[in-house]
Amino acid sequence: KKGMGLSSIRKRMKAIGGSLSVESVPGDGT
């Protein structure tokens, strides 16, 4: 649920029928 950027991406993904997963480790990338 991070920021407007991912919110916008989730909307685009839904529009084109894709799935999305986000993995992030603080200090070790996304």
All heavy atoms as atom14 arrays in JSON, in Angstrom:
{
  "sequence": "KKGMGLSSIRKRMKAIGGSLSVESVPGDGT",
  "atom14_mask": [
    [1, 1, 1, 1, 1, 1, 1, 1, 1, 0, 0, 0, 0, 0],
    [1, 1, 1, 1, 1, 1, 1, 1, 1, 0, 0, 0, 0, 0],
    [1, 1, 1, 1, 0, 0, 0, 0, 0, 0, 0, 0, 0, 0],
    [1, 1, 1, 1, 1, 1, 1, 1, 0, 0, 0, 0, 0, 0],
    [1, 1, 1, 1, 0, 0, 0, 0, 0, 0, 0, 0, 0, 0],
    [1, 1, 1, 1, 1, 1, 1, 1, 0, 0, 0, 0, 0, 0],
    [1, 1, 1, 1, 1, 1, 0, 0, 0, 0, 0, 0, 0, 0],
    [1, 1, 1, 1, 1, 1, 0, 0, 0, 0, 0, 0, 0, 0],
    [1, 1, 1, 1, 1, 1, 1, 1, 0, 0, 0, 0, 0, 0],
    [1, 1, 1, 1, 1, 1, 1, 1, 1, 1, 1, 0, 0, 0],
    [1, 1, 1, 1, 1, 1, 1, 1, 1, 0, 0, 0, 0, 0],
    [1, 1, 1, 1, 1, 1, 1, 1, 1, 1, 1, 0, 0, 0],
    [1, 1, 1, 1, 1, 1, 1, 1, 0, 0, 0, 0, 0, 0],
    [1, 1, 1, 1, 1, 1, 1, 1, 1, 0, 0, 0, 0, 0],
    [1, 1, 1, 1, 1, 0, 0, 0, 0, 0, 0, 0, 0, 0],
    [1, 1, 1, 1, 1, 1, 1, 1, 0, 0, 0, 0, 0, 0],
    [1, 1, 1, 1, 0, 0, 0, 0, 0, 0, 0, 0, 0, 0],
    [1, 1, 1, 1, 0, 0, 0, 0, 0, 0, 0, 0, 0, 0],
    [1, 1, 1, 1, 1, 1, 0, 0, 0, 0, 0, 0, 0, 0],
    [1, 1, 1, 1, 1, 1, 1, 1, 0, 0, 0, 0, 0, 0],
    [1, 1, 1, 1, 1, 1, 0, 0, 0, 0, 0, 0, 0, 0],
    [1, 1, 1, 1, 1, 1, 1, 0, 0, 0, 0, 0, 0, 0],
    [1, 1, 1, 1, 1, 1, 1, 1, 1, 0, 0, 0, 0, 0],
    [1, 1, 1, 1, 1, 1, 0, 0, 0, 0, 0, 0, 0, 0],
    [1, 1, 1, 1, 1, 1, 1, 0, 0, 0, 0, 0, 0, 0],
    [1, 1, 1, 1, 1, 1, 1, 0, 0, 0, 0, 0, 0, 0],
    [1, 1, 1, 1, 0, 0, 0, 0, 0, 0, 0, 0, 0, 0],
    [1, 1, 1, 1, 1, 1, 1, 1, 0, 0, 0, 0, 0, 0],
    [1, 1, 1, 1, 0, 0, 0, 0, 0, 0, 0, 0, 0, 0],
    [1, 1, 1, 1, 1, 1, 1, 0, 0, 0, 0, 0, 0, 0]
  ],
  "atom14_positions": [
    [[0.82, -1.22, 0.0], [0.0, 0.0, 0.0], [0.85, 1.26, 0.0], [0.38, 2.32, 0.35], [-0.91, -0.01, 1.23], [-1.89, -1.16, 1.18], [-2.81, -1.17, 2.35], [-3.8, -2.29, 2.13], [-4.2, -3.02, 3.24], [0.0, 0.0, 0.0], [0.0, 0.0, 0.0], [0.0, 0.0, 0.0], [0.0, 0.0, 0.0], [0.0, 0.0, 0.0]],
    [[2.1, 1.16, -0.36], [3.04, 2.27, -0.29], [2.81, 3.29, -1.38], [2.91, 2.99, -2.55], [4.47, 1.72, -0.39], [5.55, 2.76, -0.49], [6.0, 3.2, 0.87], [7.28, 3.98, 0.79], [7.11, 5.38, 0.8], [0.0, 0.0, 0.0], [0.0, 0.0, 0.0], [0.0, 0.0, 0.0], [0.0, 0.0, 0.0], [0.0, 0.0, 0.0]],
    [[2.48, 4.5, -1.0], [2.49, 5.66, -1.89], [1.54, 5.61, -3.08], [0.92, 4.61, -3.38], [0.0, 0.0, 0.0], [0.0, 0.0, 0.0], [0.0, 0.0, 0.0], [0.0, 0.0, 0.0], [0.0, 0.0, 0.0], [0.0, 0.0, 0.0], [0.0, 0.0, 0.0], [0.0, 0.0, 0.0], [0.0, 0.0, 0.0], [0.0, 0.0, 0.0]],
    [[1.43, 6.73, -3.74], [0.6, 6.86, -4.92], [1.18, 6.08, -6.1], [0.45, 5.61, -6.95], [0.44, 8.34, -5.3], [-0.44, 9.11, -4.35], [-2.1, 8.45, -4.21], [-2.7, 8.77, -5.86], [0.0, 0.0, 0.0], [0.0, 0.0, 0.0], [0.0, 0.0, 0.0], [0.0, 0.0, 0.0], [0.0, 0.0, 0.0], [0.0, 0.0, 0.0]],
    [[2.5, 5.94, -6.15], [3.13, 5.23, -7.26], [2.64, 3.8, -7.36], [2.19, 3.36, -8.42], [0.0, 0.0, 0.0], [0.0, 0.0, 0.0], [0.0, 0.0, 0.0], [0.0, 0.0, 0.0], [0.0, 0.0, 0.0], [0.0, 0.0, 0.0], [0.0, 0.0, 0.0], [0.0, 0.0, 0.0], [0.0, 0.0, 0.0], [0.0, 0.0, 0.0]],
    [[2.68, 3.06, -6.26], [2.2, 1.68, -6.29], [0.71, 1.6, -6.44], [0.18, 0.67, -7.05], [2.66, 0.9, -5.05], [4.1, 0.38, -5.1], [4.47, -0.33, -3.8], [4.31, -0.55, -6.27], [0.0, 0.0, 0.0], [0.0, 0.0, 0.0], [0.0, 0.0, 0.0], [0.0, 0.0, 0.0], [0.0, 0.0, 0.0], [0.0, 0.0, 0.0]],
    [[-0.02, 2.57, -5.93], [-1.47, 2.61, -6.1], [-1.8, 2.74, -7.59], [-2.68, 2.04, -8.11], [-2.07, 3.77, -5.31], [-3.43, 3.89, -5.56], [0.0, 0.0, 0.0], [0.0, 0.0, 0.0], [0.0, 0.0, 0.0], [0.0, 0.0, 0.0], [0.0, 0.0, 0.0], [0.0, 0.0, 0.0], [0.0, 0.0, 0.0], [0.0, 0.0, 0.0]],
    [[-1.12, 3.62, -8.28], [-1.32, 3.81, -9.71], [-0.95, 2.55, -10.48], [-1.65, 2.15, -11.41], [-0.46, 4.99, -10.18], [-0.47, 5.09, -11.56], [0.0, 0.0, 0.0], [0.0, 0.0, 0.0], [0.0, 0.0, 0.0], [0.0, 0.0, 0.0], [0.0, 0.0, 0.0], [0.0, 0.0, 0.0], [0.0, 0.0, 0.0], [0.0, 0.0, 0.0]],
    [[0.13, 1.91, -10.07], [0.57, 0.68, -10.73], [-0.47, -0.42, -10.52], [-0.82, -1.15, -11.46], [1.95, 0.25, -10.2], [3.0, 1.23, -10.73], [2.28, -1.19, -10.61], [4.34, 1.13, -10.06], [0.0, 0.0, 0.0], [0.0, 0.0, 0.0], [0.0, 0.0, 0.0], [0.0, 0.0, 0.0], [0.0, 0.0, 0.0], [0.0, 0.0, 0.0]],
    [[-1.0, -0.53, -9.33], [-2.03, -1.55, -9.06], [-3.27, -1.32, -9.94], [-3.86, -2.27, -10.43], [-2.41, -1.55, -7.58], [-1.32, -2.15, -6.72], [-1.78, -2.36, -5.29], [-0.66, -2.78, -4.47], [-0.13, -3.99, -4.47], [-0.61, -4.92, -5.25], [0.89, -4.29, -3.68], [0.0, 0.0, 0.0], [0.0, 0.0, 0.0], [0.0, 0.0, 0.0]],
    [[-3.66, -0.07, -10.12], [-4.81, 0.23, -10.98], [-4.52, -0.19, -12.42], [-5.38, -0.75, -13.09], [-5.15, 1.71, -10.92], [-5.81, 2.12, -9.62], [-6.09, 3.6, -9.59], [-6.64, 4.0, -8.22], [-6.8, 5.45, -8.1], [0.0, 0.0, 0.0], [0.0, 0.0, 0.0], [0.0, 0.0, 0.0], [0.0, 0.0, 0.0], [0.0, 0.0, 0.0]],
    [[-3.34, 0.11, -12.92], [-2.96, -0.29, -14.28], [-2.95, -1.81, -14.41], [-3.41, -2.37, -15.41], [-1.6, 0.27, -14.67], [-1.61, 1.74, -14.97], [-0.24, 2.17, -15.49], [-0.17, 3.58, -15.66], [-0.53, 4.24, -16.77], [-1.01, 3.57, -17.78], [-0.42, 5.53, -16.84], [0.0, 0.0, 0.0], [0.0, 0.0, 0.0], [0.0, 0.0, 0.0]],
    [[-2.41, -2.48, -13.4], [-2.35, -3.95, -13.42], [-3.75, -4.53, -13.49], [-4.01, -5.46, -14.25], [-1.61, -4.48, -12.19], [-0.14, -4.15, -12.15], [0.8, -4.96, -13.44], [0.65, -6.66, -12.95], [0.0, 0.0, 0.0], [0.0, 0.0, 0.0], [0.0, 0.0, 0.0], [0.0, 0.0, 0.0], [0.0, 0.0, 0.0], [0.0, 0.0, 0.0]],
    [[-4.66, -3.99, -12.71], [-6.03, -4.47, -12.71], [-6.67, -4.26, -14.07], [-7.39, -5.13, -14.58], [-6.84, -3.77, -11.62], [-8.24, -4.29, -11.46], [-8.95, -3.64, -10.3], [-10.35, -4.22, -10.16], [-11.09, -3.62, -9.06], [0.0, 0.0, 0.0], [0.0, 0.0, 0.0], [0.0, 0.0, 0.0], [0.0, 0.0, 0.0], [0.0, 0.0, 0.0]],
    [[-6.4, -3.12, -14.69], [-6.98, -2.79, -16.0], [-6.55, -3.78, -17.09], [-7.31, -4.02, -18.03], [-6.6, -1.37, -16.4], [0.0, 0.0, 0.0], [0.0, 0.0, 0.0], [0.0, 0.0, 0.0], [0.0, 0.0, 0.0], [0.0, 0.0, 0.0], [0.0, 0.0, 0.0], [0.0, 0.0, 0.0], [0.0, 0.0, 0.0], [0.0, 0.0, 0.0]],
    [[-5.36, -4.34, -16.95], [-4.87, -5.26, -18.0], [-4.79, -6.7, -17.52], [-4.22, -7.55, -18.2], [-3.53, -4.78, -18.6], [-2.46, -4.61, -17.53], [-3.73, -3.5, -19.37], [-1.1, -4.21, -18.07], [0.0, 0.0, 0.0], [0.0, 0.0, 0.0], [0.0, 0.0, 0.0], [0.0, 0.0, 0.0], [0.0, 0.0, 0.0], [0.0, 0.0, 0.0]],
    [[-5.35, -6.99, -16.35], [-5.48, -8.37, -15.89], [-4.19, -9.02, -15.44], [-4.04, -10.24, -15.55], [0.0, 0.0, 0.0], [0.0, 0.0, 0.0], [0.0, 0.0, 0.0], [0.0, 0.0, 0.0], [0.0, 0.0, 0.0], [0.0, 0.0, 0.0], [0.0, 0.0, 0.0], [0.0, 0.0, 0.0], [0.0, 0.0, 0.0], [0.0, 0.0, 0.0]],
    [[-3.27, -8.26, -14.88], [-2.02, -8.82, -14.4], [-2.02, -9.0, -12.89], [-2.88, -8.48, -12.19], [0.0, 0.0, 0.0], [0.0, 0.0, 0.0], [0.0, 0.0, 0.0], [0.0, 0.0, 0.0], [0.0, 0.0, 0.0], [0.0, 0.0, 0.0], [0.0, 0.0, 0.0], [0.0, 0.0, 0.0], [0.0, 0.0, 0.0], [0.0, 0.0, 0.0]],
    [[-1.05, -9.77, -12.4], [-0.86, -9.92, -10.96], [0.45, -9.24, -10.56], [1.37, -9.15, -11.36], [-0.86, -11.39, -10.56], [0.23, -12.07, -11.16], [0.0, 0.0, 0.0], [0.0, 0.0, 0.0], [0.0, 0.0, 0.0], [0.0, 0.0, 0.0], [0.0, 0.0, 0.0], [0.0, 0.0, 0.0], [0.0, 0.0, 0.0], [0.0, 0.0, 0.0]],
    [[0.5, -8.78, -9.33], [1.64, -7.99, -8.84], [2.02, -8.45, -7.45], [1.15, -8.67, -6.6], [1.25, -6.51, -8.8], [2.23, -5.53, -8.17], [3.38, -5.26, -9.12], [1.53, -4.23, -7.83], [0.0, 0.0, 0.0], [0.0, 0.0, 0.0], [0.0, 0.0, 0.0], [0.0, 0.0, 0.0], [0.0, 0.0, 0.0], [0.0, 0.0, 0.0]],
    [[3.31, -8.62, -7.21], [3.78, -8.87, -5.85], [4.97, -7.96, -5.57], [5.77, -7.65, -6.46], [4.15, -10.34, -5.63], [5.27, -10.69, -6.39], [0.0, 0.0, 0.0], [0.0, 0.0, 0.0], [0.0, 0.0, 0.0], [0.0, 0.0, 0.0], [0.0, 0.0, 0.0], [0.0, 0.0, 0.0], [0.0, 0.0, 0.0], [0.0, 0.0, 0.0]],
    [[5.04, -7.49, -4.34], [6.08, -6.56, -3.9], [6.79, -7.2, -2.72], [6.16, -7.6, -1.74], [5.48, -5.2, -3.46], [6.57, -4.26, -2.99], [4.67, -4.59, -4.59], [0.0, 0.0, 0.0], [0.0, 0.0, 0.0], [0.0, 0.0, 0.0], [0.0, 0.0, 0.0], [0.0, 0.0, 0.0], [0.0, 0.0, 0.0], [0.0, 0.0, 0.0]],
    [[8.11, -7.29, -2.81], [8.93, -7.76, -1.7], [9.98, -6.71, -1.42], [10.64, -6.23, -2.34], [9.61, -9.09, -2.03], [8.64, -10.24, -2.17], [9.35, -11.56, -2.44], [10.57, -11.67, -2.16], [8.69, -12.48, -2.95], [0.0, 0.0, 0.0], [0.0, 0.0, 0.0], [0.0, 0.0, 0.0], [0.0, 0.0, 0.0], [0.0, 0.0, 0.0]],
    [[10.1, -6.34, -0.15], [11.07, -5.32, 0.21], [11.66, -5.64, 1.56], [10.94, -6.02, 2.49], [10.4, -3.95, 0.24], [11.36, -2.96, 0.52], [0.0, 0.0, 0.0], [0.0, 0.0, 0.0], [0.0, 0.0, 0.0], [0.0, 0.0, 0.0], [0.0, 0.0, 0.0], [0.0, 0.0, 0.0], [0.0, 0.0, 0.0], [0.0, 0.0, 0.0]],
    [[12.97, -5.5, 1.65], [13.67, -5.68, 2.91], [14.36, -4.35, 3.22], [15.21, -3.91, 2.45], [14.72, -6.81, 2.82], [15.5, -6.93, 4.11], [14.05, -8.13, 2.44], [0.0, 0.0, 0.0], [0.0, 0.0, 0.0], [0.0, 0.0, 0.0], [0.0, 0.0, 0.0], [0.0, 0.0, 0.0], [0.0, 0.0, 0.0], [0.0, 0.0, 0.0]],
    [[13.97, -3.68, 4.32], [14.61, -2.42, 4.65], [16.13, -2.54, 4.65], [16.69, -3.46, 5.26], [14.06, -2.1, 6.04], [12.71, -2.76, 6.05], [12.93, -4.05, 5.28], [0.0, 0.0, 0.0], [0.0, 0.0, 0.0], [0.0, 0.0, 0.0], [0.0, 0.0, 0.0], [0.0, 0.0, 0.0], [0.0, 0.0, 0.0], [0.0, 0.0, 0.0]],
    [[16.77, -1.67, 3.9], [18.22, -1.67, 3.78], [18.75, -2.65, 2.75], [19.95, -2.7, 2.51], [0.0, 0.0, 0.0], [0.0, 0.0, 0.0], [0.0, 0.0, 0.0], [0.0, 0.0, 0.0], [0.0, 0.0, 0.0], [0.0, 0.0, 0.0], [0.0, 0.0, 0.0], [0.0, 0.0, 0.0], [0.0, 0.0, 0.0], [0.0, 0.0, 0.0]],
    [[17.88, -3.44, 2.13], [18.36, -4.46, 1.21], [17.55, -4.52, -0.09], [17.48, -5.55, -0.73], [18.34, -5.83, 1.9], [19.25, -6.84, 1.21], [20.22, -6.42, 0.54], [18.96, -8.05, 1.3], [0.0, 0.0, 0.0], [0.0, 0.0, 0.0], [0.0, 0.0, 0.0], [0.0, 0.0, 0.0], [0.0, 0.0, 0.0], [0.0, 0.0, 0.0]],
    [[16.9, -3.44, -0.47], [16.28, -3.35, -1.77], [14.83, -3.79, -1.85], [14.22, -4.23, -0.88], [0.0, 0.0, 0.0], [0.0, 0.0, 0.0], [0.0, 0.0, 0.0], [0.0, 0.0, 0.0], [0.0, 0.0, 0.0], [0.0, 0.0, 0.0], [0.0, 0.0, 0.0], [0.0, 0.0, 0.0], [0.0, 0.0, 0.0], [0.0, 0.0, 0.0]],
    [[14.31, -3.66, -3.06], [12.92, -3.97, -3.35], [12.85, -4.76, -4.64], [13.62, -4.51, -5.58], [12.1, -2.67, -3.49], [12.2, -1.94, -2.26], [10.64, -2.94, -3.79], [0.0, 0.0, 0.0], [0.0, 0.0, 0.0], [0.0, 0.0, 0.0], [0.0, 0.0, 0.0], [0.0, 0.0, 0.0], [0.0, 0.0, 0.0], [0.0, 0.0, 0.0]]
  ]
}
